[in-house]
Amino acid sequence: MKKKVLLMGKSGSGKTSMRSIIFANYIARDTSRLGATNDVEHSHVRFLGNLVLNLWDCGGQEAFMENYFVSQRDNIFRNVEVLIYVFDVESRELERDMHYYQSCLEAILQNSPEARVFCLIHKMDLVQDDQRDVIFHEREEDLKRLSKPLECVCFRTSIWDETLYKAWSSIVYELIPNVKELEQNLKDFANIMDADEVLLFERATFLVISHYCTRPHKDVNRFEKVSNIIKQFKLSCSKLAAHFQSMRVCNDNFAAFIETFTSNTYCMVIMSDTTIPSAATLINIRNARKHFEKLERMSQGHLGKGHLSTHTVGVTLG
């Protein structure tokens, strides 16, 4: 279950900062003390227990980039599952950036033609609000055209808001082996509980793994905002030698529950029916844990398929 992920882009584009925020619990303001990456930094990030991201953070200095495409070409670009290429939106060397990106694509086509490609248009916080959509869509069109015959998915990102979590959640989602079955079981779970939404967060990074929603919502970035807020709160707890375990927010309109779920996840349940006792919701979450633990082990091939039932959960509407 080891997946090779290449993180590439020009020096100073923000690769190491975003990696440190997502996987090493940095906060945005602390990334300024990070130095430039020399050559390739390897890290193995365990994600969801048995999925290991073999992350190659490739330094973006010109000498290193040329070396990747010549003497290290096979080593760097062989067996790649995902290429993440980061563009500094304010770069004054856009042509050179595009040249290196195309060189990466040529090497990927030769060595890992099945790899998925993601482009992050980074540091969007430096662009005026009224220009962000225009600039992003222009870059996206150019990158999609240059990427053919490969397909690339583009995201706008900044270390200062939830867009970074949105991009990385979407990327990691593509690497989870049994994600469709996980989503089906989340749907069953939400329907049994009469919940508006159910979300799963990865325990260490607090990235959104999967979710099911029964009602439309105006704020399309709400999951990533929750990821950002709760992760910051969790880090604050750790500084006080306290362990974050759960959170409950209740008012006249809704009740939200964030609870430790499986050994690798947190669960968030949102209920608009506030007449359902909180105790019943917590019992439902607790009773569903064993089933979702089994789903995680299924991805290792240890178990057959399973579906969540009312009997599994036990309590339905309290």
C-alpha atoms as a PDB file:
ATOM      1  CA  MET A   1       0.000   0.000   0.000  1.00  0.00           C
ATOM      2  CA  LYS A   2       2.960   2.347  -0.588  1.00  0.00           C
ATOM      3  CA  LYS A   3       2.167   5.131  -3.071  1.00  0.00           C
ATOM      4  CA  LYS A   4       4.923   7.269  -4.596  1.00  0.00           C
ATOM      5  CA  VAL A   5       4.023  10.962  -4.724  1.00  0.00           C
ATOM      6  CA  LEU A   6       6.250  13.491  -6.498  1.00  0.00           C
ATOM      7  CA  LEU A   7       6.084  17.078  -5.224  1.00  0.00           C
ATOM      8  CA  MET A   8       7.752  19.356  -7.773  1.00  0.00           C
ATOM      9  CA  GLY A   9       7.976  23.019  -8.720  1.00  0.00           C
ATOM     10  CA  LYS A  10      10.383  25.924  -8.851  1.00  0.00           C
ATOM     11  CA  SER A  11      12.396  26.833  -5.760  1.00  0.00           C
ATOM     12  CA  GLY A  12      10.383  29.142  -3.516  1.00  0.00           C
ATOM     13  CA  SER A  13       7.016  28.092  -4.903  1.00  0.00           C
ATOM     14  CA  GLY A  14       5.906  26.835  -1.468  1.00  0.00           C
ATOM     15  CA  LYS A  15       6.218  23.028  -1.738  1.00  0.00           C
ATOM     16  CA  THR A  16       7.933  22.398   1.578  1.00  0.00           C
ATOM     17  CA  SER A  17       5.690  24.854   3.433  1.00  0.00           C
ATOM     18  CA  MET A  18       2.510  23.097   2.330  1.00  0.00           C
ATOM     19  CA  ARG A  19       3.985  19.677   3.064  1.00  0.00           C
ATOM     20  CA  SER A  20       4.957  20.822   6.561  1.00  0.00           C
ATOM     21  CA  ILE A  21       1.490  22.245   7.279  1.00  0.00           C
ATOM     22  CA  ILE A  22      -0.352  19.135   6.094  1.00  0.00           C
ATOM     23  CA  PHE A  23       1.918  16.403   7.404  1.00  0.00           C
ATOM     24  CA  ALA A  24       4.178  17.925  10.090  1.00  0.00           C
ATOM     25  CA  ASN A  25       1.676  20.058  12.052  1.00  0.00           C
ATOM     26  CA  TYR A  26       3.245  23.410  11.191  1.00  0.00           C
ATOM     27  CA  ILE A  27       1.103  26.516  11.296  1.00  0.00           C
ATOM     28  CA  ALA A  28       1.338  28.966   8.402  1.00  0.00           C
ATOM     29  CA  ARG A  29       3.278  31.681  10.181  1.00  0.00           C
ATOM     30  CA  ASP A  30       6.011  29.215  11.240  1.00  0.00           C
ATOM     31  CA  THR A  31       6.846  28.090   7.699  1.00  0.00           C
ATOM     32  CA  SER A  32       8.949  31.223   7.112  1.00  0.00           C
ATOM     33  CA  ARG A  33      11.806  29.589   8.984  1.00  0.00           C
ATOM     34  CA  LEU A  34      11.941  26.591   6.646  1.00  0.00           C
ATOM     35  CA  GLY A  35      14.995  26.472   4.388  1.00  0.00           C
ATOM     36  CA  ALA A  36      15.195  25.564   0.717  1.00  0.00           C
ATOM     37  CA  THR A  37      15.064  21.855  -0.155  1.00  0.00           C
ATOM     38  CA  ASN A  38      18.353  20.460  -1.454  1.00  0.00           C
ATOM     39  CA  ASP A  39      17.984  17.764  -4.098  1.00  0.00           C
ATOM     40  CA  VAL A  40      15.243  15.329  -2.953  1.00  0.00           C
ATOM     41  CA  GLU A  41      13.831  14.943   0.553  1.00  0.00           C
ATOM     42  CA  HIS A  42      12.101  11.613   1.127  1.00  0.00           C
ATOM     43  CA  SER A  43       9.404  11.094   3.734  1.00  0.00           C
ATOM     44  CA  HIS A  44       7.048   8.207   4.438  1.00  0.00           C
ATOM     45  CA  VAL A  45       3.691   9.375   5.729  1.00  0.00           C
ATOM     46  CA  ARG A  46       1.381   6.726   7.150  1.00  0.00           C
ATOM     47  CA  PHE A  47      -2.165   7.582   6.208  1.00  0.00           C
ATOM     48  CA  LEU A  48      -5.262   5.647   7.286  1.00  0.00           C
ATOM     49  CA  GLY A  49      -3.166   2.978   8.928  1.00  0.00           C
ATOM     50  CA  ASN A  50      -2.034   0.838   6.011  1.00  0.00           C
ATOM     51  CA  LEU A  51      -1.686   3.455   3.246  1.00  0.00           C
ATOM     52  CA  VAL A  52       1.820   4.924   3.129  1.00  0.00           C
ATOM     53  CA  LEU A  53       2.552   7.997   1.047  1.00  0.00           C
ATOM     54  CA  ASN A  54       6.152   7.834  -0.186  1.00  0.00           C
ATOM     55  CA  LEU A  55       6.560  11.587  -0.630  1.00  0.00           C
ATOM     56  CA  TRP A  56       9.465  12.886  -2.744  1.00  0.00           C
ATOM     57  CA  ASP A  57       9.885  16.636  -2.174  1.00  0.00           C
ATOM     58  CA  CYS A  58      12.120  17.692  -5.070  1.00  0.00           C
ATOM     59  CA  GLY A  59      14.188  20.848  -4.692  1.00  0.00           C
ATOM     60  CA  GLY A  60      13.376  23.392  -7.378  1.00  0.00           C
ATOM     61  CA  GLN A  61      16.737  25.064  -7.962  1.00  0.00           C
ATOM     62  CA  GLU A  62      17.695  25.097 -11.640  1.00  0.00           C
ATOM     63  CA  ALA A  63      20.682  22.764 -11.208  1.00  0.00           C
ATOM     64  CA  PHE A  64      18.543  20.168  -9.445  1.00  0.00           C
ATOM     65  CA  MET A  65      15.730  20.397 -11.991  1.00  0.00           C
ATOM     66  CA  GLU A  66      18.081  19.780 -14.903  1.00  0.00           C
ATOM     67  CA  ASN A  67      19.580  16.837 -13.041  1.00  0.00           C
ATOM     68  CA  TYR A  68      16.146  15.248 -12.500  1.00  0.00           C
ATOM     69  CA  PHE A  69      15.527  15.143 -16.248  1.00  0.00           C
ATOM     70  CA  VAL A  70      18.941  13.772 -17.205  1.00  0.00           C
ATOM     71  CA  SER A  71      20.974  11.645 -14.794  1.00  0.00           C
ATOM     72  CA  GLN A  72      18.150  10.878 -12.301  1.00  0.00           C
ATOM     73  CA  ARG A  73      15.305  10.606 -14.800  1.00  0.00           C
ATOM     74  CA  ASP A  74      14.437   6.916 -14.331  1.00  0.00           C
ATOM     75  CA  ASN A  75      14.912   6.982 -10.564  1.00  0.00           C
ATOM     76  CA  ILE A  76      12.761  10.070 -10.029  1.00  0.00           C
ATOM     77  CA  PHE A  77       9.915   9.350 -12.418  1.00  0.00           C
ATOM     78  CA  ARG A  78       9.555   5.556 -12.190  1.00  0.00           C
ATOM     79  CA  ASN A  79       6.532   4.026 -10.374  1.00  0.00           C
ATOM     80  CA  VAL A  80       4.913   7.404  -9.656  1.00  0.00           C
ATOM     81  CA  GLU A  81       1.274   7.304  -8.550  1.00  0.00           C
ATOM     82  CA  VAL A  82       0.769  11.071  -8.323  1.00  0.00           C
ATOM     83  CA  LEU A  83       2.646  14.107  -9.620  1.00  0.00           C
ATOM     84  CA  ILE A  84       1.884  17.346  -7.762  1.00  0.00           C
ATOM     85  CA  TYR A  85       3.382  20.359  -9.524  1.00  0.00           C
ATOM     86  CA  VAL A  86       3.312  23.679  -7.655  1.00  0.00           C
ATOM     87  CA  PHE A  87       3.282  27.016  -9.493  1.00  0.00           C
ATOM     88  CA  ASP A  88       3.953  30.336  -7.758  1.00  0.00           C
ATOM     89  CA  VAL A  89       1.140  32.537  -9.062  1.00  0.00           C
ATOM     90  CA  GLU A  90       3.424  35.587  -8.928  1.00  0.00           C
ATOM     91  CA  SER A  91       6.377  33.981 -10.695  1.00  0.00           C
ATOM     92  CA  ARG A  92       8.133  36.250 -13.178  1.00  0.00           C
ATOM     93  CA  GLU A  93       9.539  33.278 -15.060  1.00  0.00           C
ATOM     94  CA  LEU A  94       6.308  31.692 -16.222  1.00  0.00           C
ATOM     95  CA  GLU A  95       7.782  30.406 -19.492  1.00  0.00           C
ATOM     96  CA  ARG A  96      10.575  28.614 -17.658  1.00  0.00           C
ATOM     97  CA  ASP A  97       8.062  27.207 -15.162  1.00  0.00           C
ATOM     98  CA  MET A  98       5.997  25.814 -18.022  1.00  0.00           C
ATOM     99  CA  HIS A  99       9.128  24.398 -19.676  1.00  0.00           C
ATOM    100  CA  TYR A 100      10.055  22.452 -16.525  1.00  0.00           C
ATOM    101  CA  TYR A 101       6.468  21.289 -16.125  1.00  0.00           C
ATOM    102  CA  GLN A 102       6.428  19.940 -19.672  1.00  0.00           C
ATOM    103  CA  SER A 103       9.749  18.183 -19.038  1.00  0.00           C
ATOM    104  CA  CYS A 104       8.143  16.520 -16.016  1.00  0.00           C
ATOM    105  CA  LEU A 105       5.199  15.396 -18.116  1.00  0.00           C
ATOM    106  CA  GLU A 106       7.483  13.902 -20.776  1.00  0.00           C
ATOM    107  CA  ALA A 107       9.350  11.944 -18.092  1.00  0.00           C
ATOM    108  CA  ILE A 108       6.066  10.809 -16.512  1.00  0.00           C
ATOM    109  CA  LEU A 109       4.716   9.634 -19.886  1.00  0.00           C
ATOM    110  CA  GLN A 110       7.869   7.608 -20.420  1.00  0.00           C
ATOM    111  CA  ASN A 111       8.168   6.074 -16.945  1.00  0.00           C
ATOM    112  CA  SER A 112       4.735   6.250 -15.223  1.00  0.00           C
ATOM    113  CA  PRO A 113       2.048   6.812 -17.887  1.00  0.00           C
ATOM    114  CA  GLU A 114      -0.773   5.882 -15.457  1.00  0.00           C
ATOM    115  CA  ALA A 115       0.190   8.558 -12.921  1.00  0.00           C
ATOM    116  CA  ARG A 116      -2.386  11.176 -11.960  1.00  0.00           C
ATOM    117  CA  VAL A 117      -1.324  14.806 -12.359  1.00  0.00           C
ATOM    118  CA  PHE A 118      -2.335  17.716 -10.123  1.00  0.00           C
ATOM    119  CA  CYS A 119      -1.287  21.348 -10.532  1.00  0.00           C
ATOM    120  CA  LEU A 120      -1.489  23.751  -7.607  1.00  0.00           C
ATOM    121  CA  ILE A 121      -1.621  27.457  -8.440  1.00  0.00           C
ATOM    122  CA  HIS A 122      -0.137  28.562  -5.140  1.00  0.00           C
ATOM    123  CA  LYS A 123       0.107  31.771  -3.078  1.00  0.00           C
ATOM    124  CA  MET A 124      -3.269  32.972  -4.318  1.00  0.00           C
ATOM    125  CA  ASP A 125      -3.556  35.143  -1.200  1.00  0.00           C
ATOM    126  CA  LEU A 126      -1.100  37.531  -2.917  1.00  0.00           C
ATOM    127  CA  VAL A 127      -3.579  38.188  -5.731  1.00  0.00           C
ATOM    128  CA  GLN A 128      -6.346  40.790  -5.364  1.00  0.00           C
ATOM    129  CA  ASP A 129      -9.730  39.232  -4.628  1.00  0.00           C
ATOM    130  CA  ASP A 130     -11.400  40.459  -7.803  1.00  0.00           C
ATOM    131  CA  GLN A 131      -8.585  39.017  -9.964  1.00  0.00           C
ATOM    132  CA  ARG A 132      -8.300  35.542  -8.472  1.00  0.00           C
ATOM    133  CA  ASP A 133     -10.945  33.796 -10.557  1.00  0.00           C
ATOM    134  CA  VAL A 134      -9.697  35.287 -13.825  1.00  0.00           C
ATOM    135  CA  ILE A 135      -6.030  34.472 -13.193  1.00  0.00           C
ATOM    136  CA  PHE A 136      -6.741  30.965 -11.959  1.00  0.00           C
ATOM    137  CA  HIS A 137      -8.938  30.050 -14.939  1.00  0.00           C
ATOM    138  CA  GLU A 138      -6.348  31.418 -17.385  1.00  0.00           C
ATOM    139  CA  ARG A 139      -3.605  29.291 -15.803  1.00  0.00           C
ATOM    140  CA  GLU A 140      -5.884  26.290 -15.631  1.00  0.00           C
ATOM    141  CA  GLU A 141      -6.696  26.483 -19.360  1.00  0.00           C
ATOM    142  CA  ASP A 142      -3.001  26.803 -20.267  1.00  0.00           C
ATOM    143  CA  LEU A 143      -2.008  23.867 -18.070  1.00  0.00           C
ATOM    144  CA  LYS A 144      -4.743  21.577 -19.339  1.00  0.00           C
ATOM    145  CA  ARG A 145      -3.690  22.340 -22.912  1.00  0.00           C
ATOM    146  CA  LEU A 146       0.009  21.781 -22.187  1.00  0.00           C
ATOM    147  CA  SER A 147      -0.673  18.547 -20.305  1.00  0.00           C
ATOM    148  CA  LYS A 148      -2.239  16.636 -23.200  1.00  0.00           C
ATOM    149  CA  PRO A 149      -2.393  13.662 -23.706  1.00  0.00           C
ATOM    150  CA  LEU A 150      -2.294  13.514 -19.897  1.00  0.00           C
ATOM    151  CA  GLU A 151      -5.086  15.093 -17.887  1.00  0.00           C
ATOM    152  CA  CYS A 152      -4.327  17.453 -15.038  1.00  0.00           C
ATOM    153  CA  VAL A 153      -6.557  18.673 -12.229  1.00  0.00           C
ATOM    154  CA  CYS A 154      -5.869  22.215 -11.022  1.00  0.00           C
ATOM    155  CA  PHE A 155      -6.427  23.799  -7.613  1.00  0.00           C
ATOM    156  CA  ARG A 156      -5.896  27.307  -6.316  1.00  0.00           C
ATOM    157  CA  THR A 157      -4.097  27.195  -2.954  1.00  0.00           C
ATOM    158  CA  SER A 158      -2.737  29.299  -0.122  1.00  0.00           C
ATOM    159  CA  ILE A 159      -1.203  28.296   3.197  1.00  0.00           C
ATOM    160  CA  TRP A 160      -3.318  30.994   4.866  1.00  0.00           C
ATOM    161  CA  ASP A 161      -6.783  29.518   4.257  1.00  0.00           C
ATOM    162  CA  GLU A 162      -8.751  26.335   3.705  1.00  0.00           C
ATOM    163  CA  THR A 163      -7.853  25.984   0.001  1.00  0.00           C
ATOM    164  CA  LEU A 164      -4.716  24.024   0.903  1.00  0.00           C
ATOM    165  CA  TYR A 165      -6.805  21.403   2.739  1.00  0.00           C
ATOM    166  CA  LYS A 166      -9.286  21.229  -0.130  1.00  0.00           C
ATOM    167  CA  ALA A 167      -6.533  20.465  -2.651  1.00  0.00           C
ATOM    168  CA  TRP A 168      -4.728  17.859  -0.563  1.00  0.00           C
ATOM    169  CA  SER A 169      -7.969  16.174   0.525  1.00  0.00           C
ATOM    170  CA  SER A 170      -8.907  15.779  -3.141  1.00  0.00           C
ATOM    171  CA  ILE A 171      -5.483  14.372  -3.994  1.00  0.00           C
ATOM    172  CA  VAL A 172      -5.402  11.856  -1.143  1.00  0.00           C
ATOM    173  CA  TYR A 173      -8.990  10.834  -1.930  1.00  0.00           C
ATOM    174  CA  GLU A 174      -7.706   9.480  -5.262  1.00  0.00           C
ATOM    175  CA  LEU A 175      -5.279   7.182  -3.436  1.00  0.00           C
ATOM    176  CA  ILE A 176      -7.697   5.518  -0.997  1.00  0.00           C
ATOM    177  CA  PRO A 177      -8.397   2.003  -2.344  1.00  0.00           C
ATOM    178  CA  ASN A 178     -11.952   1.320  -1.058  1.00  0.00           C
ATOM    179  CA  VAL A 179     -13.266   4.870  -0.996  1.00  0.00           C
ATOM    180  CA  LYS A 180     -16.499   4.106  -2.910  1.00  0.00           C
ATOM    181  CA  GLU A 181     -17.518   1.442  -0.425  1.00  0.00           C
ATOM    182  CA  LEU A 182     -16.613   3.795   2.401  1.00  0.00           C
ATOM    183  CA  GLU A 183     -18.930   6.435   0.935  1.00  0.00           C
ATOM    184  CA  GLN A 184     -21.789   3.950   0.608  1.00  0.00           C
ATOM    185  CA  ASN A 185     -21.462   3.023   4.261  1.00  0.00           C
ATOM    186  CA  LEU A 186     -21.362   6.693   5.265  1.00  0.00           C
ATOM    187  CA  LYS A 187     -24.610   7.126   3.341  1.00  0.00           C
ATOM    188  CA  ASP A 188     -26.174   4.215   5.236  1.00  0.00           C
ATOM    189  CA  PHE A 189     -24.870   5.636   8.512  1.00  0.00           C
ATOM    190  CA  ALA A 190     -26.354   9.095   7.808  1.00  0.00           C
ATOM    191  CA  ASN A 191     -29.734   7.669   6.798  1.00  0.00           C
ATOM    192  CA  ILE A 192     -29.966   5.419   9.856  1.00  0.00           C
ATOM    193  CA  MET A 193     -29.194   8.352  12.159  1.00  0.00           C
ATOM    194  CA  ASP A 194     -31.329  10.849  10.205  1.00  0.00           C
ATOM    195  CA  ALA A 195     -28.213  13.037  10.003  1.00  0.00           C
ATOM    196  CA  ASP A 196     -27.789  15.945   7.598  1.00  0.00           C
ATOM    197  CA  GLU A 197     -24.092  15.215   7.039  1.00  0.00           C
ATOM    198  CA  VAL A 198     -21.445  12.710   8.060  1.00  0.00           C
ATOM    199  CA  LEU A 199     -17.744  13.336   7.451  1.00  0.00           C
ATOM    200  CA  LEU A 200     -14.597  11.315   8.035  1.00  0.00           C
ATOM    201  CA  PHE A 201     -11.310  13.099   8.792  1.00  0.00           C
ATOM    202  CA  GLU A 202      -7.926  11.384   8.739  1.00  0.00           C
ATOM    203  CA  ARG A 203      -6.690  11.389  12.304  1.00  0.00           C
ATOM    204  CA  ALA A 204      -3.194  12.876  11.948  1.00  0.00           C
ATOM    205  CA  THR A 205      -3.689  15.410   9.150  1.00  0.00           C
ATOM    206  CA  PHE A 206      -7.421  16.125   9.599  1.00  0.00           C
ATOM    207  CA  LEU A 207      -7.869  15.969   5.829  1.00  0.00           C
ATOM    208  CA  VAL A 208     -11.400  15.092   4.710  1.00  0.00           C
ATOM    209  CA  ILE A 209     -11.344  11.480   3.494  1.00  0.00           C
ATOM    210  CA  SER A 210     -14.983  11.018   2.640  1.00  0.00           C
ATOM    211  CA  HIS A 211     -18.389  12.508   3.349  1.00  0.00           C
ATOM    212  CA  TYR A 212     -22.078  12.100   2.710  1.00  0.00           C
ATOM    213  CA  CYS A 213     -24.580  14.956   2.666  1.00  0.00           C
ATOM    214  CA  THR A 214     -28.379  14.691   2.572  1.00  0.00           C
ATOM    215  CA  ARG A 215     -29.025  18.413   2.155  1.00  0.00           C
ATOM    216  CA  PRO A 216     -27.416  21.027  -0.122  1.00  0.00           C
ATOM    217  CA  HIS A 217     -25.250  23.656   1.543  1.00  0.00           C
ATOM    218  CA  LYS A 218     -24.265  27.117   0.331  1.00  0.00           C
ATOM    219  CA  ASP A 219     -20.677  27.036   1.618  1.00  0.00           C
ATOM    220  CA  VAL A 220     -18.820  24.557  -0.615  1.00  0.00           C
ATOM    221  CA  ASN A 221     -15.599  24.979   1.376  1.00  0.00           C
ATOM    222  CA  ARG A 222     -17.082  24.286   4.808  1.00  0.00           C
ATOM    223  CA  PHE A 223     -15.360  20.879   5.203  1.00  0.00           C
ATOM    224  CA  GLU A 224     -11.925  22.361   4.626  1.00  0.00           C
ATOM    225  CA  LYS A 225     -12.696  25.250   6.986  1.00  0.00           C
ATOM    226  CA  VAL A 226     -13.585  22.721   9.668  1.00  0.00           C
ATOM    227  CA  SER A 227     -10.341  20.818   8.930  1.00  0.00           C
ATOM    228  CA  ASN A 228      -8.328  23.990   9.356  1.00  0.00           C
ATOM    229  CA  ILE A 229     -10.094  25.177  12.525  1.00  0.00           C
ATOM    230  CA  ILE A 230     -10.111  21.839  14.326  1.00  0.00           C
ATOM    231  CA  LYS A 231      -6.525  21.032  13.439  1.00  0.00           C
ATOM    232  CA  GLN A 232      -5.396  24.380  14.858  1.00  0.00           C
ATOM    233  CA  PHE A 233      -7.439  23.714  18.005  1.00  0.00           C
ATOM    234  CA  LYS A 234      -5.974  20.216  18.254  1.00  0.00           C
ATOM    235  CA  LEU A 235      -2.438  21.645  18.029  1.00  0.00           C
ATOM    236  CA  SER A 236      -3.285  24.181  20.738  1.00  0.00           C
ATOM    237  CA  CYS A 237      -4.428  21.334  22.983  1.00  0.00           C
ATOM    238  CA  SER A 238      -1.176  19.439  22.441  1.00  0.00           C
ATOM    239  CA  LYS A 239       0.846  22.491  23.498  1.00  0.00           C
ATOM    240  CA  LEU A 240      -0.990  22.303  26.830  1.00  0.00           C
ATOM    241  CA  ALA A 241      -0.267  18.558  27.092  1.00  0.00           C
ATOM    242  CA  ALA A 242      -3.983  17.891  26.535  1.00  0.00           C
ATOM    243  CA  HIS A 243      -5.371  15.293  24.125  1.00  0.00           C
ATOM    244  CA  PHE A 244      -8.165  16.369  21.801  1.00  0.00           C
ATOM    245  CA  GLN A 245     -10.870  13.716  21.780  1.00  0.00           C
ATOM    246  CA  SER A 246     -14.232  15.257  20.962  1.00  0.00           C
ATOM    247  CA  MET A 247     -16.197  18.451  20.474  1.00  0.00           C
ATOM    248  CA  ARG A 248     -19.889  19.273  20.544  1.00  0.00           C
ATOM    249  CA  VAL A 249     -21.580  22.418  19.198  1.00  0.00           C
ATOM    250  CA  CYS A 250     -25.333  22.771  19.778  1.00  0.00           C
ATOM    251  CA  ASN A 251     -27.844  25.560  19.246  1.00  0.00           C
ATOM    252  CA  ASP A 252     -31.500  25.913  18.251  1.00  0.00           C
ATOM    253  CA  ASN A 253     -30.793  25.124  14.569  1.00  0.00           C
ATOM    254  CA  PHE A 254     -28.372  22.190  14.623  1.00  0.00           C
ATOM    255  CA  ALA A 255     -26.118  19.945  16.666  1.00  0.00           C
ATOM    256  CA  ALA A 256     -22.598  19.048  15.472  1.00  0.00           C
ATOM    257  CA  PHE A 257     -20.534  16.229  16.993  1.00  0.00           C
ATOM    258  CA  ILE A 258     -16.832  15.624  16.320  1.00  0.00           C
ATOM    259  CA  GLU A 259     -15.658  12.367  17.881  1.00  0.00           C
ATOM    260  CA  THR A 260     -12.694  10.029  17.711  1.00  0.00           C
ATOM    261  CA  PHE A 261     -13.957   7.227  15.512  1.00  0.00           C
ATOM    262  CA  THR A 262     -11.671   4.480  14.250  1.00  0.00           C
ATOM    263  CA  SER A 263      -8.001   4.216  15.150  1.00  0.00           C
ATOM    264  CA  ASN A 264      -7.215   6.310  12.059  1.00  0.00           C
ATOM    265  CA  THR A 265     -10.163   8.712  11.784  1.00  0.00           C
ATOM    266  CA  TYR A 266     -12.364  11.315  13.417  1.00  0.00           C
ATOM    267  CA  CYS A 267     -16.062  11.466  12.597  1.00  0.00           C
ATOM    268  CA  MET A 268     -18.236  14.571  12.322  1.00  0.00           C
ATOM    269  CA  VAL A 269     -22.025  14.230  12.450  1.00  0.00           C
ATOM    270  CA  ILE A 270     -24.376  17.176  11.847  1.00  0.00           C
ATOM    271  CA  MET A 271     -28.034  16.949  12.887  1.00  0.00           C
ATOM    272  CA  SER A 272     -30.688  19.574  12.179  1.00  0.00           C
ATOM    273  CA  ASP A 273     -33.304  17.668  14.178  1.00  0.00           C
ATOM    274  CA  THR A 274     -32.376  18.963  17.614  1.00  0.00           C
ATOM    275  CA  THR A 275     -35.125  16.893  19.274  1.00  0.00           C
ATOM    276  CA  ILE A 276     -32.917  13.797  18.945  1.00  0.00           C
ATOM    277  CA  PRO A 277     -31.076  13.405  22.268  1.00  0.00           C
ATOM    278  CA  SER A 278     -27.321  13.933  22.137  1.00  0.00           C
ATOM    279  CA  ALA A 279     -26.850  10.714  24.075  1.00  0.00           C
ATOM    280  CA  ALA A 280     -28.566   8.748  21.285  1.00  0.00           C
ATOM    281  CA  THR A 281     -26.312  10.281  18.630  1.00  0.00           C
ATOM    282  CA  LEU A 282     -23.202   9.470  20.648  1.00  0.00           C
ATOM    283  CA  ILE A 283     -24.375   5.869  21.117  1.00  0.00           C
ATOM    284  CA  ASN A 284     -24.937   5.605  17.355  1.00  0.00           C
ATOM    285  CA  ILE A 285     -21.412   6.841  16.648  1.00  0.00           C
ATOM    286  CA  ARG A 286     -19.931   4.461  19.200  1.00  0.00           C
ATOM    287  CA  ASN A 287     -21.858   1.466  17.835  1.00  0.00           C
ATOM    288  CA  ALA A 288     -20.767   2.214  14.256  1.00  0.00           C
ATOM    289  CA  ARG A 289     -17.055   2.286  15.143  1.00  0.00           C
ATOM    290  CA  LYS A 290     -16.533  -1.464  14.937  1.00  0.00           C
ATOM    291  CA  HIS A 291     -18.100  -1.623  11.497  1.00  0.00           C
ATOM    292  CA  PHE A 292     -15.887   1.152  10.099  1.00  0.00           C
ATOM    293  CA  GLU A 293     -12.828  -0.446  11.705  1.00  0.00           C
ATOM    294  CA  LYS A 294     -13.675  -3.534   9.642  1.00  0.00           C
ATOM    295  CA  LEU A 295     -13.917  -1.391   6.509  1.00  0.00           C
ATOM    296  CA  GLU A 296     -10.401  -0.104   7.112  1.00  0.00           C
ATOM    297  CA  ARG A 297      -9.115  -3.659   7.453  1.00  0.00           C
ATOM    298  CA  MET A 298     -10.963  -4.608   4.251  1.00  0.00           C
ATOM    299  CA  SER A 299      -8.572  -2.408   2.305  1.00  0.00           C
ATOM    300  CA  GLN A 300      -5.829  -4.817   3.413  1.00  0.00           C
ATOM    301  CA  GLY A 301      -7.803  -7.711   1.944  1.00  0.00           C
ATOM    302  CA  HIS A 302      -8.573  -9.324   5.311  1.00  0.00           C
ATOM    303  CA  LEU A 303     -12.354  -9.223   5.159  1.00  0.00           C
ATOM    304  CA  GLY A 304     -15.217  -9.518   2.728  1.00  0.00           C
ATOM    305  CA  LYS A 305     -17.643  -6.737   1.930  1.00  0.00           C
ATOM    306  CA  GLY A 306     -19.965  -5.399   4.574  1.00  0.00           C
ATOM    307  CA  HIS A 307     -22.783  -2.904   4.834  1.00  0.00           C
ATOM    308  CA  LEU A 308     -24.001  -0.903   7.771  1.00  0.00           C
ATOM    309  CA  SER A 309     -27.450  -1.849   9.058  1.00  0.00           C
ATOM    310  CA  THR A 310     -29.843  -0.540  11.655  1.00  0.00           C
ATOM    311  CA  HIS A 311     -28.990  -3.603  13.711  1.00  0.00           C
ATOM    312  CA  THR A 312     -25.276  -2.703  13.585  1.00  0.00           C
ATOM    313  CA  VAL A 313     -25.861   0.798  14.851  1.00  0.00           C
ATOM    314  CA  GLY A 314     -28.452  -0.175  17.417  1.00  0.00           C
ATOM    315  CA  VAL A 315     -30.073   3.138  18.273  1.00  0.00           C
ATOM    316  CA  THR A 316     -31.606   5.010  15.334  1.00  0.00           C
ATOM    317  CA  LEU A 317     -33.527   8.119  16.247  1.00  0.00           C
ATOM    318  CA  GLY A 318     -33.062   8.042  19.999  1.00  0.00           C
END
